Amino acid sequence: MLDLDETLVHSKFSRSKTADYFIPVDVEDRIATIYVEKRPYVDYFLEEMSKHYEVIIFTASLSMYADPLMDQMDPCGFCVARLYR
């Protein structure tokens, strides 16, 4: 089991020129953009770990943020499950 935020990615609401992903989320009936930066080599790490383990992603965040992020970050399905708050 791997924690998503601050382990695999760093996310923030402030604009970032180095963001790998832009995730729109509904916050109190207003669309906000979350700017996400991947940790170095996270793609390689997930692929290699999936060869030896069932990789599960956990986040204290909500699925409305985590699902779109993981859909982009893990298009090959290396992570077999996702757990949310």
PDB file of N, CA and C in Angstrom:
ATOM      1  N   MET A   1       0.852  -1.166   0.000  1.00  0.00           N
ATOM      2  CA  MET A   1       0.000   0.000   0.000  1.00  0.00           C
ATOM      3  C   MET A   1       0.899   1.231   0.000  1.00  0.00           C
ATOM      4  N   LEU A   2       0.599   2.156  -0.910  1.00  0.00           N
ATOM      5  CA  LEU A   2       1.375   3.385  -1.051  1.00  0.00           C
ATOM      6  C   LEU A   2       0.478   4.597  -0.861  1.00  0.00           C
ATOM      7  N   ASP A   3       0.960   5.568  -0.113  1.00  0.00           N
ATOM      8  CA  ASP A   3       0.239   6.823   0.063  1.00  0.00           C
ATOM      9  C   ASP A   3       0.457   7.691  -1.175  1.00  0.00           C
ATOM     10  N   LEU A   4      -0.587   8.289  -1.657  1.00  0.00           N
ATOM     11  CA  LEU A   4      -0.499   9.093  -2.879  1.00  0.00           C
ATOM     12  C   LEU A   4       0.165  10.448  -2.621  1.00  0.00           C
ATOM     13  N   ASP A   5      -0.452  11.251  -1.766  1.00  0.00           N
ATOM     14  CA  ASP A   5       0.006  12.621  -1.561  1.00  0.00           C
ATOM     15  C   ASP A   5       1.243  12.687  -0.670  1.00  0.00           C
ATOM     16  N   GLU A   6       2.207  13.438  -1.131  1.00  0.00           N
ATOM     17  CA  GLU A   6       3.490  13.671  -0.468  1.00  0.00           C
ATOM     18  C   GLU A   6       4.400  12.444  -0.472  1.00  0.00           C
ATOM     19  N   THR A   7       3.960  11.365  -1.092  1.00  0.00           N
ATOM     20  CA  THR A   7       4.827  10.200  -1.278  1.00  0.00           C
ATOM     21  C   THR A   7       5.087  10.000  -2.765  1.00  0.00           C
ATOM     22  N   LEU A   8       4.023   9.835  -3.537  1.00  0.00           N
ATOM     23  CA  LEU A   8       4.170   9.657  -4.981  1.00  0.00           C
ATOM     24  C   LEU A   8       4.065  10.974  -5.748  1.00  0.00           C
ATOM     25  N   VAL A   9       3.285  11.898  -5.215  1.00  0.00           N
ATOM     26  CA  VAL A   9       3.104  13.194  -5.871  1.00  0.00           C
ATOM     27  C   VAL A   9       3.076  14.311  -4.829  1.00  0.00           C
ATOM     28  N   HIS A  10       3.265  15.522  -5.326  1.00  0.00           N
ATOM     29  CA  HIS A  10       3.088  16.724  -4.509  1.00  0.00           C
ATOM     30  C   HIS A  10       2.039  17.566  -5.207  1.00  0.00           C
ATOM     31  N   SER A  11       0.961  17.889  -4.503  1.00  0.00           N
ATOM     32  CA  SER A  11      -0.155  18.633  -5.090  1.00  0.00           C
ATOM     33  C   SER A  11      -0.354  19.953  -4.366  1.00  0.00           C
ATOM     34  N   LYS A  12      -0.808  20.949  -5.135  1.00  0.00           N
ATOM     35  CA  LYS A  12      -1.100  22.246  -4.527  1.00  0.00           C
ATOM     36  C   LYS A  12      -2.122  22.986  -5.364  1.00  0.00           C
ATOM     37  N   PHE A  13      -2.787  23.960  -4.742  1.00  0.00           N
ATOM     38  CA  PHE A  13      -3.779  24.766  -5.439  1.00  0.00           C
ATOM     39  C   PHE A  13      -3.147  25.949  -6.154  1.00  0.00           C
ATOM     40  N   SER A  14      -1.927  26.324  -5.782  1.00  0.00           N
ATOM     41  CA  SER A  14      -1.286  27.457  -6.437  1.00  0.00           C
ATOM     42  C   SER A  14      -0.681  27.030  -7.772  1.00  0.00           C
ATOM     43  N   ARG A  15      -0.712  27.930  -8.716  1.00  0.00           N
ATOM     44  CA  ARG A  15      -0.226  27.673 -10.070  1.00  0.00           C
ATOM     45  C   ARG A  15       1.225  27.193 -10.048  1.00  0.00           C
ATOM     46  N   SER A  16       1.532  26.231 -10.913  1.00  0.00           N
ATOM     47  CA  SER A  16       2.882  25.690 -10.989  1.00  0.00           C
ATOM     48  C   SER A  16       3.255  25.465 -12.449  1.00  0.00           C
ATOM     49  N   LYS A  17       4.378  26.021 -12.851  1.00  0.00           N
ATOM     50  CA  LYS A  17       4.853  25.830 -14.230  1.00  0.00           C
ATOM     51  C   LYS A  17       5.434  24.433 -14.432  1.00  0.00           C
ATOM     52  N   THR A  18       5.774  23.765 -13.339  1.00  0.00           N
ATOM     53  CA  THR A  18       6.387  22.443 -13.442  1.00  0.00           C
ATOM     54  C   THR A  18       5.399  21.312 -13.194  1.00  0.00           C
ATOM     55  N   ALA A  19       4.120  21.619 -13.086  1.00  0.00           N
ATOM     56  CA  ALA A  19       3.112  20.591 -12.817  1.00  0.00           C
ATOM     57  C   ALA A  19       3.044  19.582 -13.961  1.00  0.00           C
ATOM     58  N   ASP A  20       2.924  18.315 -13.588  1.00  0.00           N
ATOM     59  CA  ASP A  20       2.768  17.246 -14.573  1.00  0.00           C
ATOM     60  C   ASP A  20       1.300  17.057 -14.954  1.00  0.00           C
ATOM     61  N   TYR A  21       0.403  17.345 -14.003  1.00  0.00           N
ATOM     62  CA  TYR A  21      -1.027  17.168 -14.227  1.00  0.00           C
ATOM     63  C   TYR A  21      -1.788  18.355 -13.654  1.00  0.00           C
ATOM     64  N   PHE A  22      -2.932  18.635 -14.261  1.00  0.00           N
ATOM     65  CA  PHE A  22      -3.849  19.657 -13.787  1.00  0.00           C
ATOM     66  C   PHE A  22      -5.180  18.953 -13.549  1.00  0.00           C
ATOM     67  N   ILE A  23      -5.617  18.893 -12.301  1.00  0.00           N
ATOM     68  CA  ILE A  23      -6.832  18.154 -11.958  1.00  0.00           C
ATOM     69  C   ILE A  23      -7.913  19.142 -11.541  1.00  0.00           C
ATOM     70  N   PRO A  24      -9.003  19.283 -12.324  1.00  0.00           N
ATOM     71  CA  PRO A  24     -10.100  20.149 -11.903  1.00  0.00           C
ATOM     72  C   PRO A  24     -10.988  19.413 -10.898  1.00  0.00           C
ATOM     73  N   VAL A  25     -11.304  20.065  -9.788  1.00  0.00           N
ATOM     74  CA  VAL A  25     -12.184  19.470  -8.775  1.00  0.00           C
ATOM     75  C   VAL A  25     -13.229  20.495  -8.359  1.00  0.00           C
ATOM     76  N   ASP A  26     -14.391  19.995  -7.992  1.00  0.00           N
ATOM     77  CA  ASP A  26     -15.482  20.848  -7.529  1.00  0.00           C
ATOM     78  C   ASP A  26     -15.322  21.053  -6.024  1.00  0.00           C
ATOM     79  N   VAL A  27     -15.059  22.302  -5.630  1.00  0.00           N
ATOM     80  CA  VAL A  27     -14.928  22.649  -4.220  1.00  0.00           C
ATOM     81  C   VAL A  27     -16.027  23.653  -3.894  1.00  0.00           C
ATOM     82  N   GLU A  28     -17.034  23.186  -3.175  1.00  0.00           N
ATOM     83  CA  GLU A  28     -18.167  24.034  -2.792  1.00  0.00           C
ATOM     84  C   GLU A  28     -18.782  24.743  -4.000  1.00  0.00           C
ATOM     85  N   ASP A  29     -19.126  23.951  -5.019  1.00  0.00           N
ATOM     86  CA  ASP A  29     -19.771  24.431  -6.246  1.00  0.00           C
ATOM     87  C   ASP A  29     -18.903  25.381  -7.067  1.00  0.00           C
ATOM     88  N   ARG A  30     -17.600  25.295  -6.897  1.00  0.00           N
ATOM     89  CA  ARG A  30     -16.660  26.102  -7.686  1.00  0.00           C
ATOM     90  C   ARG A  30     -15.558  25.173  -8.163  1.00  0.00           C
ATOM     91  N   ILE A  31     -15.226  25.245  -9.446  1.00  0.00           N
ATOM     92  CA  ILE A  31     -14.176  24.393  -9.985  1.00  0.00           C
ATOM     93  C   ILE A  31     -12.810  25.005  -9.642  1.00  0.00           C
ATOM     94  N   ALA A  32     -11.998  24.215  -8.952  1.00  0.00           N
ATOM     95  CA  ALA A  32     -10.634  24.625  -8.614  1.00  0.00           C
ATOM     96  C   ALA A  32      -9.677  23.675  -9.321  1.00  0.00           C
ATOM     97  N   THR A  33      -8.513  24.176  -9.651  1.00  0.00           N
ATOM     98  CA  THR A  33      -7.504  23.348 -10.306  1.00  0.00           C
ATOM     99  C   THR A  33      -6.434  22.974  -9.299  1.00  0.00           C
ATOM    100  N   ILE A  34      -6.131  21.688  -9.243  1.00  0.00           N
ATOM    101  CA  ILE A  34      -5.039  21.203  -8.410  1.00  0.00           C
ATOM    102  C   ILE A  34      -3.868  20.909  -9.331  1.00  0.00           C
ATOM    103  N   TYR A  35      -2.726  21.462  -8.999  1.00  0.00           N
ATOM    104  CA  TYR A  35      -1.501  21.288  -9.783  1.00  0.00           C
ATOM    105  C   TYR A  35      -0.680  20.182  -9.130  1.00  0.00           C
ATOM    106  N   VAL A  36      -0.356  19.162  -9.904  1.00  0.00           N
ATOM    107  CA  VAL A  36       0.282  17.963  -9.367  1.00  0.00           C
ATOM    108  C   VAL A  36       1.650  17.750 -10.013  1.00  0.00           C
ATOM    109  N   GLU A  37       2.645  17.566  -9.168  1.00  0.00           N
ATOM    110  CA  GLU A  37       3.996  17.240  -9.628  1.00  0.00           C
ATOM    111  C   GLU A  37       4.336  15.827  -9.172  1.00  0.00           C
ATOM    112  N   LYS A  38       4.755  15.008 -10.115  1.00  0.00           N
ATOM    113  CA  LYS A  38       5.162  13.635  -9.786  1.00  0.00           C
ATOM    114  C   LYS A  38       6.543  13.645  -9.139  1.00  0.00           C
ATOM    115  N   ARG A  39       6.761  12.715  -8.234  1.00  0.00           N
ATOM    116  CA  ARG A  39       8.088  12.535  -7.665  1.00  0.00           C
ATOM    117  C   ARG A  39       8.992  11.925  -8.737  1.00  0.00           C
ATOM    118  N   PRO A  40      10.283  12.192  -8.669  1.00  0.00           N
ATOM    119  CA  PRO A  40      11.196  11.614  -9.664  1.00  0.00           C
ATOM    120  C   PRO A  40      11.100  10.088  -9.706  1.00  0.00           C
ATOM    121  N   TYR A  41      11.043   9.548 -10.890  1.00  0.00           N
ATOM    122  CA  TYR A  41      11.036   8.106 -11.168  1.00  0.00           C
ATOM    123  C   TYR A  41       9.796   7.365 -10.657  1.00  0.00           C
ATOM    124  N   VAL A  42       8.722   8.076 -10.384  1.00  0.00           N
ATOM    125  CA  VAL A  42       7.527   7.407  -9.861  1.00  0.00           C
ATOM    126  C   VAL A  42       6.953   6.423 -10.879  1.00  0.00           C
ATOM    127  N   ASP A  43       7.012   6.734 -12.165  1.00  0.00           N
ATOM    128  CA  ASP A  43       6.490   5.826 -13.192  1.00  0.00           C
ATOM    129  C   ASP A  43       7.260   4.507 -13.181  1.00  0.00           C
ATOM    130  N   TYR A  44       8.558   4.605 -13.155  1.00  0.00           N
ATOM    131  CA  TYR A  44       9.419   3.414 -13.110  1.00  0.00           C
ATOM    132  C   TYR A  44       9.172   2.633 -11.821  1.00  0.00           C
ATOM    133  N   PHE A  45       9.061   3.334 -10.701  1.00  0.00           N
ATOM    134  CA  PHE A  45       8.825   2.697  -9.413  1.00  0.00           C
ATOM    135  C   PHE A  45       7.532   1.880  -9.416  1.00  0.00           C
ATOM    136  N   LEU A  46       6.444   2.479  -9.899  1.00  0.00           N
ATOM    137  CA  LEU A  46       5.163   1.763  -9.921  1.00  0.00           C
ATOM    138  C   LEU A  46       5.226   0.539 -10.833  1.00  0.00           C
ATOM    139  N   GLU A  47       5.858   0.677 -11.973  1.00  0.00           N
ATOM    140  CA  GLU A  47       5.975  -0.461 -12.890  1.00  0.00           C
ATOM    141  C   GLU A  47       6.780  -1.588 -12.255  1.00  0.00           C
ATOM    142  N   GLU A  48       7.908  -1.272 -11.658  1.00  0.00           N
ATOM    143  CA  GLU A  48       8.750  -2.307 -11.046  1.00  0.00           C
ATOM    144  C   GLU A  48       8.070  -2.951  -9.841  1.00  0.00           C
ATOM    145  N   MET A  49       7.422  -2.161  -9.002  1.00  0.00           N
ATOM    146  CA  MET A  49       6.743  -2.720  -7.824  1.00  0.00           C
ATOM    147  C   MET A  49       5.591  -3.637  -8.240  1.00  0.00           C
ATOM    148  N   SER A  50       4.921  -3.298  -9.341  1.00  0.00           N
ATOM    149  CA  SER A  50       3.788  -4.120  -9.784  1.00  0.00           C
ATOM    150  C   SER A  50       4.231  -5.502 -10.263  1.00  0.00           C
ATOM    151  N   LYS A  51       5.495  -5.660 -10.572  1.00  0.00           N
ATOM    152  CA  LYS A  51       6.025  -6.969 -10.969  1.00  0.00           C
ATOM    153  C   LYS A  51       6.168  -7.914  -9.785  1.00  0.00           C
ATOM    154  N   HIS A  52       6.222  -7.348  -8.586  1.00  0.00           N
ATOM    155  CA  HIS A  52       6.483  -8.154  -7.387  1.00  0.00           C
ATOM    156  C   HIS A  52       5.362  -8.104  -6.349  1.00  0.00           C
ATOM    157  N   TYR A  53       4.503  -7.065  -6.415  1.00  0.00           N
ATOM    158  CA  TYR A  53       3.477  -6.847  -5.391  1.00  0.00           C
ATOM    159  C   TYR A  53       2.169  -6.406  -6.030  1.00  0.00           C
ATOM    160  N   GLU A  54       1.085  -6.576  -5.285  1.00  0.00           N
ATOM    161  CA  GLU A  54      -0.181  -5.956  -5.656  1.00  0.00           C
ATOM    162  C   GLU A  54      -0.132  -4.541  -5.090  1.00  0.00           C
ATOM    163  N   VAL A  55      -0.017  -3.557  -5.943  1.00  0.00           N
ATOM    164  CA  VAL A  55       0.145  -2.175  -5.513  1.00  0.00           C
ATOM    165  C   VAL A  55      -1.230  -1.540  -5.300  1.00  0.00           C
ATOM    166  N   ILE A  56      -1.428  -1.010  -4.101  1.00  0.00           N
ATOM    167  CA  ILE A  56      -2.677  -0.344  -3.737  1.00  0.00           C
ATOM    168  C   ILE A  56      -2.341   1.088  -3.370  1.00  0.00           C
ATOM    169  N   ILE A  57      -3.115   2.028  -3.889  1.00  0.00           N
ATOM    170  CA  ILE A  57      -2.912   3.443  -3.613  1.00  0.00           C
ATOM    171  C   ILE A  57      -3.903   3.879  -2.547  1.00  0.00           C
ATOM    172  N   PHE A  58      -3.398   4.590  -1.539  1.00  0.00           N
ATOM    173  CA  PHE A  58      -4.238   5.167  -0.487  1.00  0.00           C
ATOM    174  C   PHE A  58      -4.073   6.679  -0.500  1.00  0.00           C
ATOM    175  N   THR A  59      -5.169   7.385  -0.250  1.00  0.00           N
ATOM    176  CA  THR A  59      -5.098   8.822  -0.044  1.00  0.00           C
ATOM    177  C   THR A  59      -6.146   9.249   0.967  1.00  0.00           C
ATOM    178  N   ALA A  60      -5.796  10.242   1.759  1.00  0.00           N
ATOM    179  CA  ALA A  60      -6.767  10.830   2.681  1.00  0.00           C
ATOM    180  C   ALA A  60      -7.682  11.800   1.937  1.00  0.00           C
ATOM    181  N   SER A  61      -7.382  12.055   0.678  1.00  0.00           N
ATOM    182  CA  SER A  61      -8.214  12.926  -0.152  1.00  0.00           C
ATOM    183  C   SER A  61      -9.444  12.167  -0.645  1.00  0.00           C
ATOM    184  N   LEU A  62     -10.261  12.867  -1.402  1.00  0.00           N
ATOM    185  CA  LEU A  62     -11.486  12.277  -1.948  1.00  0.00           C
ATOM    186  C   LEU A  62     -11.234  11.672  -3.317  1.00  0.00           C
ATOM    187  N   SER A  63     -12.131  10.784  -3.714  1.00  0.00           N
ATOM    188  CA  SER A  63     -11.998  10.112  -5.007  1.00  0.00           C
ATOM    189  C   SER A  63     -12.107  11.085  -6.180  1.00  0.00           C
ATOM    190  N   MET A  64     -12.826  12.199  -6.002  1.00  0.00           N
ATOM    191  CA  MET A  64     -12.981  13.174  -7.106  1.00  0.00           C
ATOM    192  C   MET A  64     -11.641  13.796  -7.501  1.00  0.00           C
ATOM    193  N   TYR A  65     -10.658  13.731  -6.627  1.00  0.00           N
ATOM    194  CA  TYR A  65      -9.301  14.186  -6.931  1.00  0.00           C
ATOM    195  C   TYR A  65      -8.410  13.001  -7.318  1.00  0.00           C
ATOM    196  N   ALA A  66      -8.475  11.946  -6.547  1.00  0.00           N
ATOM    197  CA  ALA A  66      -7.555  10.820  -6.724  1.00  0.00           C
ATOM    198  C   ALA A  66      -7.820  10.019  -7.998  1.00  0.00           C
ATOM    199  N   ASP A  67      -9.065   9.789  -8.345  1.00  0.00           N
ATOM    200  CA  ASP A  67      -9.353   8.993  -9.546  1.00  0.00           C
ATOM    201  C   ASP A  67      -8.851   9.647 -10.836  1.00  0.00           C
ATOM    202  N   PRO A  68      -9.165  10.927 -11.075  1.00  0.00           N
ATOM    203  CA  PRO A  68      -8.629  11.532 -12.305  1.00  0.00           C
ATOM    204  C   PRO A  68      -7.101  11.568 -12.323  1.00  0.00           C
ATOM    205  N   LEU A  69      -6.506  11.777 -11.155  1.00  0.00           N
ATOM    206  CA  LEU A  69      -5.049  11.791 -11.085  1.00  0.00           C
ATOM    207  C   LEU A  69      -4.482  10.419 -11.408  1.00  0.00           C
ATOM    208  N   MET A  70      -4.988   9.380 -10.767  1.00  0.00           N
ATOM    209  CA  MET A  70      -4.462   8.032 -11.000  1.00  0.00           C
ATOM    210  C   MET A  70      -4.781   7.546 -12.410  1.00  0.00           C
ATOM    211  N   ASP A  71      -5.896   7.968 -12.982  1.00  0.00           N
ATOM    212  CA  ASP A  71      -6.206   7.599 -14.366  1.00  0.00           C
ATOM    213  C   ASP A  71      -5.121   8.112 -15.308  1.00  0.00           C
ATOM    214  N   GLN A  72      -4.600   9.296 -15.027  1.00  0.00           N
ATOM    215  CA  GLN A  72      -3.533   9.865 -15.859  1.00  0.00           C
ATOM    216  C   GLN A  72      -2.168   9.286 -15.496  1.00  0.00           C
ATOM    217  N   MET A  73      -1.918   9.129 -14.208  1.00  0.00           N
ATOM    218  CA  MET A  73      -0.597   8.712 -13.756  1.00  0.00           C
ATOM    219  C   MET A  73      -0.339   7.219 -13.972  1.00  0.00           C
ATOM    220  N   ASP A  74      -1.385   6.426 -13.994  1.00  0.00           N
ATOM    221  CA  ASP A  74      -1.236   4.978 -14.112  1.00  0.00           C
ATOM    222  C   ASP A  74      -2.115   4.417 -15.230  1.00  0.00           C
ATOM    223  N   PRO A  75      -1.882   4.834 -16.477  1.00  0.00           N
ATOM    224  CA  PRO A  75      -2.736   4.370 -17.579  1.00  0.00           C
ATOM    225  C   PRO A  75      -2.596   2.881 -17.871  1.00  0.00           C
ATOM    226  N   CYS A  76      -1.503   2.271 -17.445  1.00  0.00           N
ATOM    227  CA  CYS A  76      -1.286   0.844 -17.692  1.00  0.00           C
ATOM    228  C   CYS A  76      -1.884  -0.044 -16.601  1.00  0.00           C
ATOM    229  N   GLY A  77      -2.386   0.545 -15.527  1.00  0.00           N
ATOM    230  CA  GLY A  77      -3.032  -0.224 -14.474  1.00  0.00           C
ATOM    231  C   GLY A  77      -2.074  -0.990 -13.573  1.00  0.00           C
ATOM    232  N   PHE A  78      -0.916  -0.422 -13.288  1.00  0.00           N
ATOM    233  CA  PHE A  78       0.034  -1.075 -12.382  1.00  0.00           C
ATOM    234  C   PHE A  78      -0.521  -1.156 -10.964  1.00  0.00           C
ATOM    235  N   CYS A  79      -1.360  -0.210 -10.590  1.00  0.00           N
ATOM    236  CA  CYS A  79      -1.970  -0.192  -9.258  1.00  0.00           C
ATOM    237  C   CYS A  79      -3.324  -0.903  -9.346  1.00  0.00           C
ATOM    238  N   VAL A  80      -3.502  -1.927  -8.517  1.00  0.00           N
ATOM    239  CA  VAL A  80      -4.687  -2.771  -8.640  1.00  0.00           C
ATOM    240  C   VAL A  80      -5.902  -2.254  -7.867  1.00  0.00           C
ATOM    241  N   ALA A  81      -5.690  -1.330  -6.923  1.00  0.00           N
ATOM    242  CA  ALA A  81      -6.817  -0.809  -6.136  1.00  0.00           C
ATOM    243  C   ALA A  81      -6.490   0.592  -5.633  1.00  0.00           C
ATOM    244  N   ARG A  82      -7.573   1.310  -5.309  1.00  0.00           N
ATOM    245  CA  ARG A  82      -7.464   2.669  -4.772  1.00  0.00           C
ATOM    246  C   ARG A  82      -8.354   2.792  -3.546  1.00  0.00           C
ATOM    247  N   LEU A  83      -7.798   3.349  -2.489  1.00  0.00           N
ATOM    248  CA  LEU A  83      -8.559   3.567  -1.252  1.00  0.00           C
ATOM    249  C   LEU A  83      -8.586   5.057  -0.940  1.00  0.00           C
ATOM    250  N   TYR A  84      -9.746   5.561  -0.498  1.00  0.00           N
ATOM    251  CA  TYR A  84      -9.935   6.981  -0.258  1.00  0.00           C
ATOM    252  C   TYR A  84     -10.463   7.213   1.143  1.00  0.00           C
ATOM    253  N   ARG A  85     -10.498   8.514   1.516  1.00  0.00           N
ATOM    254  CA  ARG A  85     -11.079   8.891   2.806  1.00  0.00           C
ATOM    255  C   ARG A  85     -12.540   8.514   2.813  1.00  0.00           C
TER     256      ARG A  85
END
